[in-house]
Structure formats: C-alpha cells, structure tokens
Amino acid sequence: MIGDIPEDKVIGLTHEGRAIGVCKIAGRIYAAEDICPHARVLLSKGRLDGKVIECPIHAARFNVTTGRRLSGPVCRDIHIYPVRIEDGAILIDIERIPTSRAL
C-alpha cells in the first residue's frame, strides 16, 4: 500500500524473480530495477539522496525517476517500471520494460 512506503527511502522487493526498488519522492511512487548493472548488488541497500540512488559498492549513481545513469562505473541505465495507484495499492507493470540506452 502507498502508506507503507516511507518518503525518501527505497524498499527492495522481489516479484517473479525480479528485484525491484520502490520509493516515494515528493509523494509520488517510483519503481526501478534494484540491481546495479555494474556491481550486481541491490541498489536499495545504497543511499537515496533526492532522486539519486547510489550503489553501495562502487558509488555508481542513477536517477530513480528516469533510470538514467549519472556517474560511476556503469555501462547502462536502469529500468524504470510504470506505476499506478488503485485504492491505495501500488501496481507495478513489470512486463513493460523500456529498452536500455547503451553507452
């Protein structure tokens, strides 16, 4: 439920084998790939600063609202999943994954 997601924190979850990080920024819910493409660790274990999540291993940084890589040793953006809210429930469309932009 939307009330279960704290503001400015990333909650890691797994659904059908996919690691997804869910966060609330300025009241809006975002869902992103939770695996760092470089270090293969959970981004949700890193630090969220505004819209930027930092990998806890090599400090790769990503915008969690767009998926765009910002810095660090990364080869691609992270996937962002479409989210909608129905009756307070967070619904994540894990089937719609945009194509990653390569370097």
Protein backbone atom coordinates (compact mmCIF):
# COMPACT_ATOMS: atom_id res chain seq x y z
CA MET A 1 0.00 0.00 0.00
CA ILE A 2 1.12 3.53 -0.69
CA GLY A 3 1.11 4.35 3.03
CA ASP A 4 3.68 1.58 3.63
CA ILE A 5 6.35 3.34 1.57
CA PRO A 6 8.28 5.94 3.58
CA GLU A 7 9.25 9.21 1.93
CA ASP A 8 12.81 9.33 0.54
CA LYS A 9 13.66 5.65 1.22
CA VAL A 10 13.98 2.71 -1.19
CA ILE A 11 12.18 -0.51 -0.33
CA GLY A 12 13.57 -3.56 -2.09
CA LEU A 13 11.21 -6.33 -3.12
CA THR A 14 11.25 -9.35 -5.40
CA HIS A 15 8.44 -10.35 -7.72
CA GLU A 16 8.67 -13.34 -10.06
CA GLY A 17 12.44 -13.35 -9.68
CA ARG A 18 12.86 -9.62 -10.41
CA ALA A 19 14.45 -7.31 -7.88
CA ILE A 20 12.52 -4.03 -7.81
CA GLY A 21 13.21 -0.94 -5.72
CA VAL A 22 10.16 1.12 -4.79
CA CYS A 23 10.41 4.64 -3.41
CA LYS A 24 8.29 7.69 -2.70
CA ILE A 25 9.66 11.09 -3.66
CA ALA A 26 7.55 14.21 -3.06
CA GLY A 27 4.50 11.96 -2.62
CA ARG A 28 4.95 10.15 -5.94
CA ILE A 29 5.79 6.43 -6.21
CA TYR A 30 8.58 5.17 -8.47
CA ALA A 31 9.70 1.61 -9.23
CA ALA A 32 13.13 0.81 -10.65
CA GLU A 33 15.39 -2.12 -11.33
CA ASP A 34 17.05 -2.87 -7.99
CA ILE A 35 20.23 -4.49 -9.33
CA CYS A 36 23.25 -2.35 -10.15
CA PRO A 37 24.27 -3.20 -13.74
CA HIS A 38 27.95 -2.92 -12.79
CA ALA A 39 28.31 -4.47 -9.35
CA ARG A 40 25.22 -6.76 -9.40
CA VAL A 41 24.23 -5.70 -5.86
CA LEU A 42 20.95 -4.33 -4.56
CA LEU A 43 20.68 -0.60 -5.15
CA SER A 44 18.08 -0.47 -2.35
CA LYS A 45 20.99 -1.11 0.06
CA GLY A 46 22.56 2.14 -1.13
CA ARG A 47 21.77 5.73 -0.24
CA LEU A 48 18.89 7.71 -1.76
CA ASP A 49 19.52 11.45 -1.96
CA GLY A 50 16.60 13.25 -3.57
CA LYS A 51 16.06 11.46 -6.89
CA VAL A 52 19.50 9.83 -6.92
CA ILE A 53 20.32 6.32 -5.68
CA GLU A 54 23.95 5.42 -5.11
CA CYS A 55 25.23 1.85 -5.39
CA PRO A 56 26.65 0.72 -2.03
CA ILE A 57 29.67 -0.97 -3.64
CA HIS A 58 31.23 1.30 -6.29
CA ALA A 59 29.18 4.51 -5.88
CA ALA A 60 27.52 4.29 -9.30
CA ARG A 61 24.63 6.78 -9.28
CA PHE A 62 21.24 6.64 -11.02
CA ASN A 63 18.18 8.88 -11.22
CA VAL A 64 15.35 6.70 -9.85
CA THR A 65 12.69 8.71 -11.69
CA THR A 66 14.21 8.28 -15.16
CA GLY A 67 16.66 5.39 -14.77
CA ARG A 68 19.45 7.46 -16.27
CA ARG A 69 22.98 6.65 -15.12
CA LEU A 70 24.65 9.73 -13.69
CA SER A 71 28.15 8.66 -12.70
CA GLY A 72 30.35 5.79 -11.72
CA PRO A 73 31.44 2.59 -13.42
CA VAL A 74 28.19 1.70 -15.19
CA CYS A 75 27.51 0.56 -18.74
CA ARG A 76 23.79 1.30 -18.96
CA ASP A 77 20.79 2.97 -17.37
CA ILE A 78 18.50 1.04 -15.01
CA HIS A 79 14.98 0.04 -15.98
CA ILE A 80 12.05 2.08 -14.68
CA TYR A 81 8.70 0.32 -14.32
CA PRO A 82 5.36 2.07 -14.92
CA VAL A 83 3.43 2.52 -11.65
CA ARG A 84 -0.21 3.29 -10.95
CA ILE A 85 -2.14 3.58 -7.71
CA GLU A 86 -5.57 1.98 -7.28
CA ASP A 87 -7.40 2.29 -3.96
CA GLY A 88 -4.09 2.93 -2.22
CA ALA A 89 -2.46 -0.19 -3.72
CA ILE A 90 0.75 0.21 -5.72
CA LEU A 91 0.53 -1.60 -9.07
CA ILE A 92 3.81 -2.07 -10.95
CA ASP A 93 3.77 -3.11 -14.61
CA ILE A 94 6.81 -5.41 -14.60
CA GLU A 95 6.12 -6.56 -18.17
CA ARG A 96 6.74 -3.10 -19.69
CA ILE A 97 10.46 -2.54 -19.57
CA PRO A 98 11.88 0.10 -21.90
CA THR A 99 15.00 -0.70 -23.88
CA SER A 100 18.16 0.32 -22.06
CA ARG A 101 20.31 3.00 -23.58
CA ALA A 102 23.86 1.75 -24.02
CA LEU A 103 26.97 3.95 -23.84
